Amino acid sequence: MGHDTDQREEVRRQAAGMSPASKADFTDTASHASGAVDGTRIYEVAAGDDLQGIARRFYGNADGWRRILDENRDLIADPGRLVAGQMLKIPAKP
């Protein structure tokens, strides 16, 4: 037990001397994790991607393409033409 206490004290001493940028900052954790809580992922469209292929990649079959379209209606003008580099929300597998 004494050894553990010594290690904790050493860590505290080292942390006290660190700059604030070196210390962990969890103030914005909730906003970064919010998309993961409900299983939604973000996917960057690659050249040649289509909704059916993306659905196969994330859901195991192409049938989920409408789910992806519904989640991204504000971003997808033409479901047959995705734009490389576009960031799509991929909802959790149904």
N, C-alpha and C. Protein backbone atom coordinates (compact mmCIF):
# COMPACT_ATOMS: atom_id res chain seq x y z
N MET A 1 0.82 -1.19 0.00
CA MET A 1 0.00 0.00 0.00
C MET A 1 0.86 1.25 0.00
N GLY A 2 1.95 1.24 0.73
CA GLY A 2 2.83 2.39 0.78
C GLY A 2 3.41 2.72 -0.57
N HIS A 3 3.68 1.69 -1.38
CA HIS A 3 4.23 1.91 -2.72
C HIS A 3 3.22 2.62 -3.61
N ASP A 4 1.94 2.21 -3.52
CA ASP A 4 0.88 2.86 -4.30
C ASP A 4 0.74 4.32 -3.92
N THR A 5 0.82 4.61 -2.65
CA THR A 5 0.71 5.99 -2.17
C THR A 5 1.87 6.81 -2.72
N ASP A 6 3.07 6.24 -2.73
CA ASP A 6 4.24 6.94 -3.27
C ASP A 6 4.05 7.25 -4.75
N GLN A 7 3.50 6.29 -5.50
CA GLN A 7 3.28 6.50 -6.93
C GLN A 7 2.25 7.60 -7.17
N ARG A 8 1.19 7.58 -6.38
CA ARG A 8 0.16 8.62 -6.54
C ARG A 8 0.74 10.00 -6.25
N GLU A 9 1.54 10.08 -5.22
CA GLU A 9 2.16 11.37 -4.86
C GLU A 9 3.08 11.84 -5.99
N GLU A 10 3.82 10.92 -6.58
CA GLU A 10 4.73 11.27 -7.68
C GLU A 10 3.93 11.78 -8.88
N VAL A 11 2.82 11.11 -9.18
CA VAL A 11 1.96 11.54 -10.29
C VAL A 11 1.41 12.93 -10.01
N ARG A 12 0.97 13.17 -8.80
CA ARG A 12 0.44 14.49 -8.43
C ARG A 12 1.51 15.56 -8.58
N ARG A 13 2.73 15.25 -8.15
CA ARG A 13 3.82 16.23 -8.27
C ARG A 13 4.10 16.54 -9.74
N GLN A 14 4.14 15.49 -10.56
CA GLN A 14 4.40 15.70 -11.99
C GLN A 14 3.26 16.49 -12.63
N ALA A 15 2.02 16.17 -12.31
CA ALA A 15 0.87 16.86 -12.88
C ALA A 15 0.85 18.32 -12.49
N ALA A 16 1.24 18.61 -11.25
CA ALA A 16 1.24 19.99 -10.78
C ALA A 16 2.20 20.85 -11.59
N GLY A 17 3.26 20.25 -12.11
CA GLY A 17 4.24 21.00 -12.88
C GLY A 17 3.94 21.06 -14.37
N MET A 18 2.91 20.38 -14.81
CA MET A 18 2.58 20.36 -16.24
C MET A 18 1.82 21.61 -16.65
N SER A 19 1.98 21.97 -17.90
CA SER A 19 1.19 23.08 -18.42
C SER A 19 -0.25 22.63 -18.57
N PRO A 20 -1.21 23.55 -18.54
CA PRO A 20 -2.62 23.16 -18.67
C PRO A 20 -2.90 22.36 -19.94
N ALA A 21 -2.18 22.63 -21.03
CA ALA A 21 -2.42 21.92 -22.28
C ALA A 21 -2.01 20.45 -22.17
N SER A 22 -1.15 20.12 -21.25
CA SER A 22 -0.70 18.74 -21.08
C SER A 22 -1.65 17.91 -20.25
N LYS A 23 -2.53 18.57 -19.53
CA LYS A 23 -3.46 17.85 -18.67
C LYS A 23 -4.72 17.48 -19.45
N ALA A 24 -5.35 16.41 -19.04
CA ALA A 24 -6.58 15.98 -19.70
C ALA A 24 -7.67 17.02 -19.51
N ASP A 25 -8.43 17.26 -20.57
CA ASP A 25 -9.53 18.21 -20.51
C ASP A 25 -10.80 17.50 -20.95
N PHE A 26 -11.72 17.29 -20.03
CA PHE A 26 -12.95 16.58 -20.34
C PHE A 26 -14.15 17.51 -20.41
N THR A 27 -13.93 18.81 -20.52
CA THR A 27 -15.03 19.76 -20.49
C THR A 27 -15.98 19.60 -21.66
N ASP A 28 -15.48 19.13 -22.81
CA ASP A 28 -16.33 19.04 -24.00
C ASP A 28 -16.65 17.59 -24.35
N THR A 29 -16.46 16.68 -23.44
CA THR A 29 -16.64 15.26 -23.72
C THR A 29 -18.06 14.94 -24.16
N ALA A 30 -19.04 15.52 -23.54
CA ALA A 30 -20.42 15.19 -23.87
C ALA A 30 -20.75 15.49 -25.32
N SER A 31 -20.28 16.61 -25.85
CA SER A 31 -20.61 16.94 -27.23
C SER A 31 -19.91 16.01 -28.22
N HIS A 32 -18.73 15.53 -27.88
CA HIS A 32 -18.02 14.60 -28.77
C HIS A 32 -18.64 13.21 -28.73
N ALA A 33 -19.18 12.83 -27.61
CA ALA A 33 -19.70 11.49 -27.43
C ALA A 33 -21.18 11.38 -27.78
N SER A 34 -21.88 12.48 -27.95
CA SER A 34 -23.32 12.43 -28.13
C SER A 34 -23.73 11.62 -29.35
N GLY A 35 -22.98 11.70 -30.42
CA GLY A 35 -23.33 10.92 -31.60
C GLY A 35 -23.17 9.44 -31.38
N ALA A 36 -22.25 9.05 -30.52
CA ALA A 36 -22.00 7.64 -30.28
C ALA A 36 -23.02 7.02 -29.33
N VAL A 37 -23.67 7.84 -28.53
CA VAL A 37 -24.61 7.32 -27.53
C VAL A 37 -25.74 6.57 -28.20
N ASP A 38 -26.30 7.10 -29.28
CA ASP A 38 -27.41 6.42 -29.94
C ASP A 38 -26.93 5.52 -31.07
N GLY A 39 -25.64 5.36 -31.23
CA GLY A 39 -25.09 4.45 -32.24
C GLY A 39 -24.86 5.10 -33.59
N THR A 40 -25.17 6.38 -33.74
CA THR A 40 -24.95 7.06 -35.00
C THR A 40 -23.46 7.25 -35.24
N ARG A 41 -23.04 7.01 -36.47
CA ARG A 41 -21.65 7.21 -36.85
C ARG A 41 -21.59 8.26 -37.95
N ILE A 42 -20.40 8.77 -38.17
CA ILE A 42 -20.18 9.71 -39.27
C ILE A 42 -19.29 8.99 -40.30
N TYR A 43 -19.66 9.09 -41.56
CA TYR A 43 -18.91 8.44 -42.63
C TYR A 43 -18.57 9.47 -43.70
N GLU A 44 -17.31 9.49 -44.14
CA GLU A 44 -16.91 10.37 -45.23
C GLU A 44 -17.04 9.62 -46.54
N VAL A 45 -17.85 10.15 -47.43
CA VAL A 45 -18.12 9.52 -48.71
C VAL A 45 -16.83 9.52 -49.54
N ALA A 46 -16.53 8.37 -50.13
CA ALA A 46 -15.39 8.22 -51.03
C ALA A 46 -15.89 8.22 -52.47
N ALA A 47 -15.02 8.52 -53.40
CA ALA A 47 -15.39 8.50 -54.82
C ALA A 47 -15.94 7.12 -55.17
N GLY A 48 -17.06 7.09 -55.86
CA GLY A 48 -17.67 5.84 -56.28
C GLY A 48 -18.65 5.25 -55.28
N ASP A 49 -18.75 5.81 -54.09
CA ASP A 49 -19.70 5.31 -53.09
C ASP A 49 -21.13 5.58 -53.53
N ASP A 50 -22.01 4.67 -53.14
CA ASP A 50 -23.44 4.90 -53.29
C ASP A 50 -24.11 4.47 -51.99
N LEU A 51 -25.36 4.86 -51.83
CA LEU A 51 -26.05 4.58 -50.57
C LEU A 51 -26.18 3.08 -50.30
N GLN A 52 -26.40 2.29 -51.35
CA GLN A 52 -26.52 0.84 -51.15
C GLN A 52 -25.20 0.25 -50.66
N GLY A 53 -24.09 0.69 -51.22
CA GLY A 53 -22.78 0.20 -50.80
C GLY A 53 -22.45 0.60 -49.37
N ILE A 54 -22.80 1.82 -49.01
CA ILE A 54 -22.56 2.28 -47.64
C ILE A 54 -23.43 1.48 -46.67
N ALA A 55 -24.69 1.22 -47.06
CA ALA A 55 -25.58 0.41 -46.22
C ALA A 55 -25.01 -0.99 -46.05
N ARG A 56 -24.49 -1.58 -47.12
CA ARG A 56 -23.87 -2.91 -47.01
C ARG A 56 -22.71 -2.89 -46.03
N ARG A 57 -21.90 -1.85 -46.11
CA ARG A 57 -20.72 -1.73 -45.24
C ARG A 57 -21.12 -1.65 -43.77
N PHE A 58 -22.15 -0.87 -43.45
CA PHE A 58 -22.52 -0.65 -42.06
C PHE A 58 -23.59 -1.60 -41.53
N TYR A 59 -24.46 -2.10 -42.41
CA TYR A 59 -25.58 -2.92 -41.96
C TYR A 59 -25.51 -4.37 -42.42
N GLY A 60 -24.59 -4.66 -43.32
CA GLY A 60 -24.48 -6.04 -43.81
C GLY A 60 -25.36 -6.34 -45.00
N ASN A 61 -26.22 -5.40 -45.40
CA ASN A 61 -27.02 -5.55 -46.61
C ASN A 61 -27.39 -4.17 -47.13
N ALA A 62 -27.78 -4.11 -48.39
CA ALA A 62 -28.06 -2.83 -49.05
C ALA A 62 -29.42 -2.25 -48.68
N ASP A 63 -30.26 -3.04 -48.03
CA ASP A 63 -31.63 -2.60 -47.74
C ASP A 63 -31.71 -1.38 -46.82
N GLY A 64 -30.66 -1.08 -46.08
CA GLY A 64 -30.68 0.04 -45.15
C GLY A 64 -30.41 1.39 -45.78
N TRP A 65 -30.29 1.44 -47.10
CA TRP A 65 -29.92 2.71 -47.75
C TRP A 65 -30.94 3.81 -47.49
N ARG A 66 -32.23 3.47 -47.40
CA ARG A 66 -33.26 4.50 -47.16
C ARG A 66 -33.10 5.10 -45.76
N ARG A 67 -32.67 4.29 -44.81
CA ARG A 67 -32.43 4.77 -43.44
C ARG A 67 -31.34 5.83 -43.45
N ILE A 68 -30.29 5.59 -44.23
CA ILE A 68 -29.20 6.57 -44.34
C ILE A 68 -29.70 7.82 -45.04
N LEU A 69 -30.47 7.64 -46.12
CA LEU A 69 -31.03 8.79 -46.84
C LEU A 69 -31.92 9.62 -45.92
N ASP A 70 -32.80 8.98 -45.18
CA ASP A 70 -33.69 9.71 -44.28
C ASP A 70 -32.92 10.52 -43.24
N GLU A 71 -31.82 9.98 -42.76
CA GLU A 71 -31.01 10.66 -41.75
C GLU A 71 -30.26 11.86 -42.34
N ASN A 72 -30.08 11.87 -43.67
CA ASN A 72 -29.26 12.90 -44.32
C ASN A 72 -30.00 13.66 -45.41
N ARG A 73 -31.32 13.74 -45.31
CA ARG A 73 -32.13 14.42 -46.34
C ARG A 73 -31.65 15.85 -46.61
N ASP A 74 -31.16 16.51 -45.56
CA ASP A 74 -30.71 17.89 -45.73
C ASP A 74 -29.38 17.98 -46.47
N LEU A 75 -28.66 16.87 -46.61
CA LEU A 75 -27.35 16.86 -47.26
C LEU A 75 -27.35 16.22 -48.64
N ILE A 76 -28.31 15.35 -48.89
CA ILE A 76 -28.32 14.59 -50.14
C ILE A 76 -29.42 15.12 -51.05
N ALA A 77 -29.01 15.82 -52.12
CA ALA A 77 -29.97 16.37 -53.07
C ALA A 77 -30.46 15.27 -54.02
N ASP A 78 -29.55 14.38 -54.43
CA ASP A 78 -29.88 13.31 -55.36
C ASP A 78 -29.31 12.00 -54.79
N PRO A 79 -30.16 11.07 -54.36
CA PRO A 79 -29.67 9.83 -53.75
C PRO A 79 -28.76 9.02 -54.67
N GLY A 80 -28.85 9.25 -55.95
CA GLY A 80 -28.01 8.54 -56.92
C GLY A 80 -26.64 9.17 -57.12
N ARG A 81 -26.42 10.33 -56.54
CA ARG A 81 -25.15 11.05 -56.74
C ARG A 81 -24.64 11.59 -55.42
N LEU A 82 -23.80 10.81 -54.76
CA LEU A 82 -23.17 11.29 -53.54
C LEU A 82 -21.90 12.04 -53.91
N VAL A 83 -21.51 12.97 -53.08
CA VAL A 83 -20.33 13.80 -53.33
C VAL A 83 -19.17 13.30 -52.47
N ALA A 84 -18.05 12.97 -53.12
CA ALA A 84 -16.87 12.54 -52.37
C ALA A 84 -16.47 13.62 -51.37
N GLY A 85 -16.16 13.19 -50.16
CA GLY A 85 -15.79 14.12 -49.10
C GLY A 85 -16.95 14.54 -48.23
N GLN A 86 -18.16 14.28 -48.69
CA GLN A 86 -19.36 14.60 -47.93
C GLN A 86 -19.40 13.75 -46.66
N MET A 87 -19.82 14.34 -45.55
CA MET A 87 -19.89 13.63 -44.29
C MET A 87 -21.34 13.25 -44.04
N LEU A 88 -21.61 11.94 -43.97
CA LEU A 88 -22.97 11.45 -43.77
C LEU A 88 -23.12 10.85 -42.38
N LYS A 89 -24.30 11.05 -41.81
CA LYS A 89 -24.63 10.40 -40.54
C LYS A 89 -25.16 9.01 -40.86
N ILE A 90 -24.59 8.01 -40.21
CA ILE A 90 -25.04 6.64 -40.40
C ILE A 90 -25.74 6.20 -39.11
N PRO A 91 -27.08 6.09 -39.13
CA PRO A 91 -27.77 5.70 -37.92
C PRO A 91 -27.41 4.27 -37.51
N ALA A 92 -27.66 3.95 -36.27
CA ALA A 92 -27.38 2.60 -35.75
C ALA A 92 -28.12 1.56 -36.56
N LYS A 93 -27.56 0.38 -36.60
CA LYS A 93 -28.18 -0.72 -37.32
C LYS A 93 -29.55 -1.00 -36.73
N PRO A 94 -30.57 -1.11 -37.59
CA PRO A 94 -31.93 -1.35 -37.09
C PRO A 94 -32.04 -2.68 -36.38
